[in-house]
Structure formats: C-alpha cells, structure tokens
Amino acid sequence: MLRRFSAPLRFLVRLVCLVFACHFLKAALIVRYMNQCADREFSLQALAESEALREIVASMPQPFGVMMLNKHVVDMTLNWLCNTAHMPGVHERMLFFTLDDDAAQQLLDVYPYLKTFTWSTECLQSSFRPLDGTYMSFFLLRTNLIRTLSYLRHNFWMLQADTFWKENLFNNIEYNDSSLEINVALDQQGYSGISNTRKKQMNGANFLVFGKQPNTQDLFDDLHYYQTHFYVTDPDAMKVVCASKRYHCNFIDHSIVSGWEWIYGPQRNAPDLMQMDGETSGGKVRMLKQYKLWFLDDDHQCIPGAVAAAKYLADNGMVPRLYSNSKVKQKLLLAIGEFFASLPLFGRVYRVYGGLPSLYLQVFS
C-alpha cells in the first residue's frame, strides 16, 4: 500500500518544490530589477540634491500632500481632483510628483494652478501590474522620496488618487499638533468592523509622515533596507520596522481612513476617506464607475452633482456592492491571513513577520 502511494507522493513533493523554487527565482529577479532601477534613475542622493525639488517643497504649506503618478493614471488623478474640487485648500496643499512630462501637462491643462514636479523615470513608464518589478520599483521610489522629504524636515501626507474623499482630510485637527512625538501615522487595513487580528496593520495608501521628528528618516532607512533586500511590500516590511521600540508608529482611526471592505460591511458611519485598492486585475476605473464613485465625463470634465450624489450614497449606506474575480481572490487571501493571525502564539509572530515570506510562497499569482 505504501509503495503504491510513494511514487505519486514523491512527484507531488517535487512539484511543490519546483513551484516554490520558481517563485524564489522570480522574487530574486524582481528585487534585482528594483535595485538597478533605483540606482540608475531615482537614488536617494539624486533626489536629495535636486534644488528644484527643494524649492517647490519649501513653498508648500505644512503639512502638505504628495501624490505620485505617471501618464497611465492621469484619469484616476483627474477623478480625485473632481472629488476634492469643492473642498477649500485641498488642491493648494497638494504636490503632484509626476514620472513623465505628459502626466504633468495633462493635469495642468485642466488645473493650471496645481503644483507639479516631474522626475522622469524611464523604468516606471509602463502601467503597473500588482507585485511585478515596475509596481515594486514604484514603491521603492516612494520610500526614497519619503526619505528625501524627511531629510528636509517636512511633515507631509503620502496620498493615492484611487481614494474617495467624503470630507477634507486636511481639516482633521488630530494630527496638526506639532508637539506629537510620532514618526508616522499609518492607515489601517479594512474598516472598523474587521477582526481585531487585522487591525493596526498598515494598508499603505494614505499616511502621514512626521519628517520633523529626528529619527523618522532612520525609520524609512530601515524600510528601504527591507525593500532592497527582500521581495516584500512596504506595508509588510513596515510591520517589522514598527515593531522596533526605536520608533513610534501611530494608526489612523478607521473613522478617518478605511479601505474598500467598508462597502461589503453594514455600511455604517462612512469614513472621511475610503481607499479603493481592492481591484488587482486592471479594472479599477470600471469598478469605480459601478460604485458610483466616478466623477468624470468622456471629455475629462467634472460631472455636476456626481460628488454630492456619491456622498449621499456613502452617508446612507447605499454604495453598490459589486464582485469580481480579483475581489474574490482578495477576500480569500485576507481570510487566510486572518486565520493565521488568530492562531495562538503563532499569530503574534505572523502579524509582525508574516509578510516577509508571503510573496515568496504565493501560489495564486
């Protein structure tokens, strides 16, 4: 009986080992690509020595917002600009860090008063696929930009355009106290109704960096180390960095910033900001339209009344619940992670270090 099953078992073990070996090789190649891209096109030294960047940052109010984009997400950014156009001071507090001249020009064609800074980056000109070399390199650039702004001793929000703003984030007074001894205020995964095992886990889309704190640059230097040595997302690496007692990582309440999972809960107490990053198959614009959170017409003009209608849907728990293959996959992976995080003893370790091996061992990509 044992001999009958030994050959298929050996084959299965070899197959699993082959799959994992392929993932480790893929991971090593992506990390190598990221480092080459950074060394060639957006090193910390090059960013820190840019007089043009220093000048435009010095002109910004404190704290200001930074939004990074290339030409492939201009539509998404214009949608966000429509969303926030009626909110006093939001556009004026934003610095749009573009990766090509085309992206900057398209924004300025519609909103000529915006502050833009272009850092042409050849290796980041294509559209991103989740967790590929370009995607991971983009977030390595984000870390180097954060390190630069922290070196210049500025407090600032890192923001993404795929976000619905119900209220003006800059009006929140909780983090405007200059006496706060915080290095970074991180957005959390999910929404207030998720399991406690998933709370206080960085989502990584909209967060506040206290660059004026003397050791904040050290925190992001540590984050940079993990990003350049391991195939790991910056939120997963941040768990390890924030576990150090050297740093003070605060977590933004879900009433201020929540994720797309709020839509799939009871839809009570809509957050000020809702991050719509649950779509991984390139259909984010289509999904935003189906959520009734798209505010542009075919000519890239703001649709009158669309933002007010979206706020009404959010306030009254009427945002449509939609499903896609990537949503199902995302919810499955979140459920698996939640299960591991809930295990006795192991769960405490997993919540901090689980992200380091997770991408190496994934079989759903």
Foldseek 3Di string as FASTA:
>chain_A
DCVVCVVVVVVVVVVLVVLLVVLVVQFVVLLVLLVVLCVVFPDLVVVLPDPVNVVLCVPADAAAEEEEEEPVCLLLQLQLCLLCVPPPPNQRRYEYEYQDPNSVVVVCVVVVPGHYDYRHRVLQHDDDAPLGSNVLSVVLSVLSVLLSVLVVQGKYKYAYSQKRALHDLVVDCPPVDPPDQAQKAAEFAAAPPDDPLRGPQHPPHIIIGRSNRPCSSVLSVQLSVCSSPASFHSSLSNLQSCVDPVHHYHYDHRLAEHEPCCLVPQLANQHRMYRDPQDRPPCSVVVCVLQLSGQADPVSDGDPPSSVVSSVCSNVSNRDDDDDPSNVVSVVVVVVLSVQLPDPPSNVVCSRNVRRCDSSSDDPD
